[in-house]
Amino acid sequence: MSSSVTNVVIAGLGGQGVLKASDILAEAAFRTGLDVKKSEIHGMSQRGGSVTSDVRFGDNILSPMVPGSEADFLLVLAADQVETNKGLLGAGGVLICTDRIDENALANRRSLNVAMLGVLSRYLEIDKPFWLDAIRSSLPEKVYDVNVKAFEMGRDAAAESY
């Protein structure tokens, strides 16, 4: 995070938890005291269509939309959405795809979005307790433990790739 603004685009298909992942990321950044703005494009999300969500955070954020080709991080939850969205990634930006996670190892495959946030968390200067608090406040208590395990799996996968 070289500038005072961090731009993250989360992309996937309807039903994959793109919007929930962006809620958790925005909440975690907000809990650190940063200014946070978020926007969403739903498309045909209820029918499995493309969904993107922009999350911007830093000292002073004026717009919720990530400017074209300026995403610092592009987190993609569906492999077929990489080509569609990679133009959003800025020079030196990081593409985070699901190949970083063994989906079969997840206790609940619906936790893939949170596992991917675990990968992203290794790149951001947001302390782990803020992430855990954001997960707890954004999801029902009954799925908290399984999502924390998914988050940790993502963090471990990212640590192994360094």
Protein backbone atom coordinates (compact mmCIF):
# COMPACT_ATOMS: atom_id res chain seq x y z
CA MET A 1 0.00 0.00 0.00
CA SER A 2 2.31 2.67 -1.29
CA SER A 3 -0.23 5.48 -1.53
CA SER A 4 -2.72 6.82 0.98
CA VAL A 5 -5.54 5.10 -0.93
CA THR A 6 -5.94 1.35 -1.40
CA ASN A 7 -8.22 0.18 -4.21
CA VAL A 8 -9.67 -3.33 -4.11
CA VAL A 9 -12.05 -4.87 -6.64
CA ILE A 10 -13.79 -8.12 -5.75
CA ALA A 11 -15.33 -9.94 -8.70
CA GLY A 12 -17.30 -13.13 -9.15
CA LEU A 13 -20.74 -14.50 -9.90
CA GLY A 14 -24.04 -13.99 -8.15
CA GLY A 15 -24.32 -16.21 -5.09
CA GLN A 16 -20.57 -16.47 -4.46
CA GLY A 17 -20.47 -13.92 -1.67
CA VAL A 18 -18.82 -11.04 -3.53
CA LEU A 19 -20.93 -8.48 -1.71
CA LYS A 20 -20.46 -10.15 1.68
CA ALA A 21 -16.69 -10.25 1.13
CA SER A 22 -16.69 -6.54 0.30
CA ASP A 23 -18.77 -5.85 3.43
CA ILE A 24 -16.21 -7.69 5.58
CA LEU A 25 -13.24 -5.93 3.93
CA ALA A 26 -14.88 -2.51 4.30
CA GLU A 27 -15.73 -3.21 7.94
CA ALA A 28 -12.18 -4.39 8.74
CA ALA A 29 -10.67 -1.26 7.14
CA PHE A 30 -13.19 0.97 8.92
CA ARG A 31 -12.31 -0.60 12.27
CA THR A 32 -8.68 0.49 11.76
CA GLY A 33 -9.86 4.09 11.60
CA LEU A 34 -9.59 4.52 7.84
CA ASP A 35 -12.07 6.33 5.62
CA VAL A 36 -13.88 3.66 3.57
CA LYS A 37 -16.13 3.85 0.51
CA LYS A 38 -17.76 0.91 -1.26
CA SER A 39 -19.79 0.41 -4.41
CA GLU A 40 -21.38 -2.57 -6.13
CA ILE A 41 -22.43 -3.60 -9.61
CA HIS A 42 -24.92 -6.44 -9.44
CA GLY A 43 -25.62 -7.19 -13.10
CA MET A 44 -27.67 -10.37 -13.36
CA SER A 45 -26.42 -11.48 -9.96
CA GLN A 46 -29.54 -13.41 -9.00
CA ARG A 47 -29.02 -15.65 -12.02
CA GLY A 48 -25.33 -16.29 -11.55
CA GLY A 49 -24.26 -13.24 -13.55
CA SER A 50 -21.23 -11.06 -13.02
CA VAL A 51 -20.94 -9.13 -9.78
CA THR A 52 -18.22 -6.68 -8.80
CA SER A 53 -17.69 -4.59 -5.72
CA ASP A 54 -15.18 -1.79 -5.31
CA VAL A 55 -13.74 -1.05 -1.87
CA ARG A 56 -11.52 1.98 -1.39
CA PHE A 57 -9.91 2.94 1.89
CA GLY A 58 -7.31 5.37 3.15
CA ASP A 59 -6.97 8.75 4.81
CA ASN A 60 -9.56 10.60 2.72
CA ILE A 61 -11.67 8.82 0.11
CA LEU A 62 -13.88 10.96 -2.10
CA SER A 63 -15.35 8.40 -4.52
CA PRO A 64 -16.52 4.82 -3.95
CA MET A 65 -15.55 3.73 -7.48
CA VAL A 66 -12.05 2.45 -8.24
CA PRO A 67 -10.80 4.48 -11.22
CA GLY A 68 -10.26 2.39 -14.37
CA SER A 69 -7.06 0.34 -14.35
CA GLU A 70 -6.13 1.50 -10.85
CA ALA A 71 -7.05 -1.48 -8.64
CA ASP A 72 -4.22 -2.37 -6.28
CA PHE A 73 -5.86 -5.76 -5.72
CA LEU A 74 -8.27 -7.76 -7.84
CA LEU A 75 -9.78 -10.63 -5.89
CA VAL A 76 -11.67 -12.99 -8.23
CA LEU A 77 -14.01 -15.68 -6.90
CA ALA A 78 -14.81 -17.29 -10.27
CA ALA A 79 -12.10 -18.31 -12.74
CA ASP A 80 -14.16 -17.20 -15.74
CA GLN A 81 -14.24 -13.66 -14.35
CA VAL A 82 -10.46 -13.14 -14.49
CA GLU A 83 -10.35 -12.15 -18.18
CA THR A 84 -13.45 -9.98 -17.82
CA ASN A 85 -11.98 -7.96 -14.94
CA LYS A 86 -8.18 -8.03 -15.25
CA GLY A 87 -8.23 -4.68 -17.06
CA LEU A 88 -9.24 -3.11 -13.75
CA LEU A 89 -5.88 -4.00 -12.22
CA GLY A 90 -3.33 -1.22 -12.11
CA ALA A 91 0.37 -1.50 -12.90
CA GLY A 92 1.98 -3.51 -10.13
CA GLY A 93 -1.43 -4.62 -8.86
CA VAL A 94 -1.99 -8.07 -7.38
CA LEU A 95 -4.41 -10.61 -8.88
CA ILE A 96 -5.76 -13.05 -6.29
CA CYS A 97 -7.54 -16.08 -7.78
CA THR A 98 -9.20 -19.12 -6.25
CA ASP A 99 -6.29 -21.35 -7.29
CA ARG A 100 -4.67 -20.18 -4.04
CA ILE A 101 -7.27 -22.14 -2.04
CA ASP A 102 -8.01 -25.88 -1.98
CA GLU A 103 -11.80 -25.61 -2.07
CA ASN A 104 -12.13 -29.29 -1.12
CA ALA A 105 -10.40 -28.53 2.18
CA LEU A 106 -13.02 -25.96 3.18
CA ALA A 107 -15.51 -27.20 5.77
CA ASN A 108 -18.18 -25.24 3.87
CA ARG A 109 -17.61 -24.23 0.24
CA ARG A 110 -19.71 -21.12 0.84
CA SER A 111 -16.74 -19.88 2.88
CA LEU A 112 -14.53 -19.51 -0.20
CA ASN A 113 -15.08 -15.75 -0.20
CA VAL A 114 -13.78 -15.49 3.37
CA ALA A 115 -10.83 -17.77 2.57
CA MET A 116 -9.96 -15.41 -0.28
CA LEU A 117 -10.10 -12.50 2.15
CA GLY A 118 -7.58 -14.43 4.23
CA VAL A 119 -5.23 -14.40 1.24
CA LEU A 120 -5.84 -10.68 0.70
CA SER A 121 -5.26 -9.95 4.39
CA ARG A 122 -1.59 -10.89 4.02
CA TYR A 123 -1.12 -7.98 1.63
CA LEU A 124 -2.92 -5.32 3.65
CA GLU A 125 -1.93 -3.43 6.77
CA ILE A 126 -5.08 -4.40 8.64
CA ASP A 127 -4.38 -6.29 11.85
CA LYS A 128 -5.92 -9.74 12.20
CA PRO A 129 -8.20 -8.81 15.16
CA PHE A 130 -9.95 -6.23 12.95
CA TRP A 131 -10.60 -8.92 10.34
CA LEU A 132 -12.00 -11.31 12.94
CA ASP A 133 -14.24 -8.61 14.39
CA ALA A 134 -15.49 -7.75 10.89
CA ILE A 135 -16.23 -11.41 10.15
CA ARG A 136 -18.14 -11.74 13.44
CA SER A 137 -20.20 -8.60 12.83
CA SER A 138 -20.97 -9.45 9.18
CA LEU A 139 -22.00 -13.10 9.46
CA PRO A 140 -24.39 -15.09 11.65
CA GLU A 141 -22.75 -16.43 14.81
CA LYS A 142 -23.53 -20.03 13.80
CA VAL A 143 -21.13 -19.78 10.81
CA TYR A 144 -18.43 -17.73 12.54
CA ASP A 145 -16.11 -20.63 13.42
CA VAL A 146 -16.20 -22.23 9.97
CA ASN A 147 -15.47 -18.85 8.39
CA VAL A 148 -12.58 -18.11 10.74
CA LYS A 149 -11.08 -21.48 9.73
CA ALA A 150 -11.53 -20.53 6.07
CA PHE A 151 -9.92 -17.14 6.72
CA GLU A 152 -6.95 -18.84 8.40
CA MET A 153 -6.65 -21.27 5.49
CA GLY A 154 -6.37 -18.30 3.15
CA ARG A 155 -3.79 -16.59 5.35
CA ASP A 156 -1.75 -19.80 5.48
CA ALA A 157 -1.97 -20.24 1.68
CA ALA A 158 -0.75 -16.69 1.14
CA ALA A 159 2.10 -17.12 3.62
CA GLU A 160 3.28 -20.26 1.78
CA SER A 161 3.50 -18.40 -1.52
CA TYR A 162 5.94 -15.76 -0.27
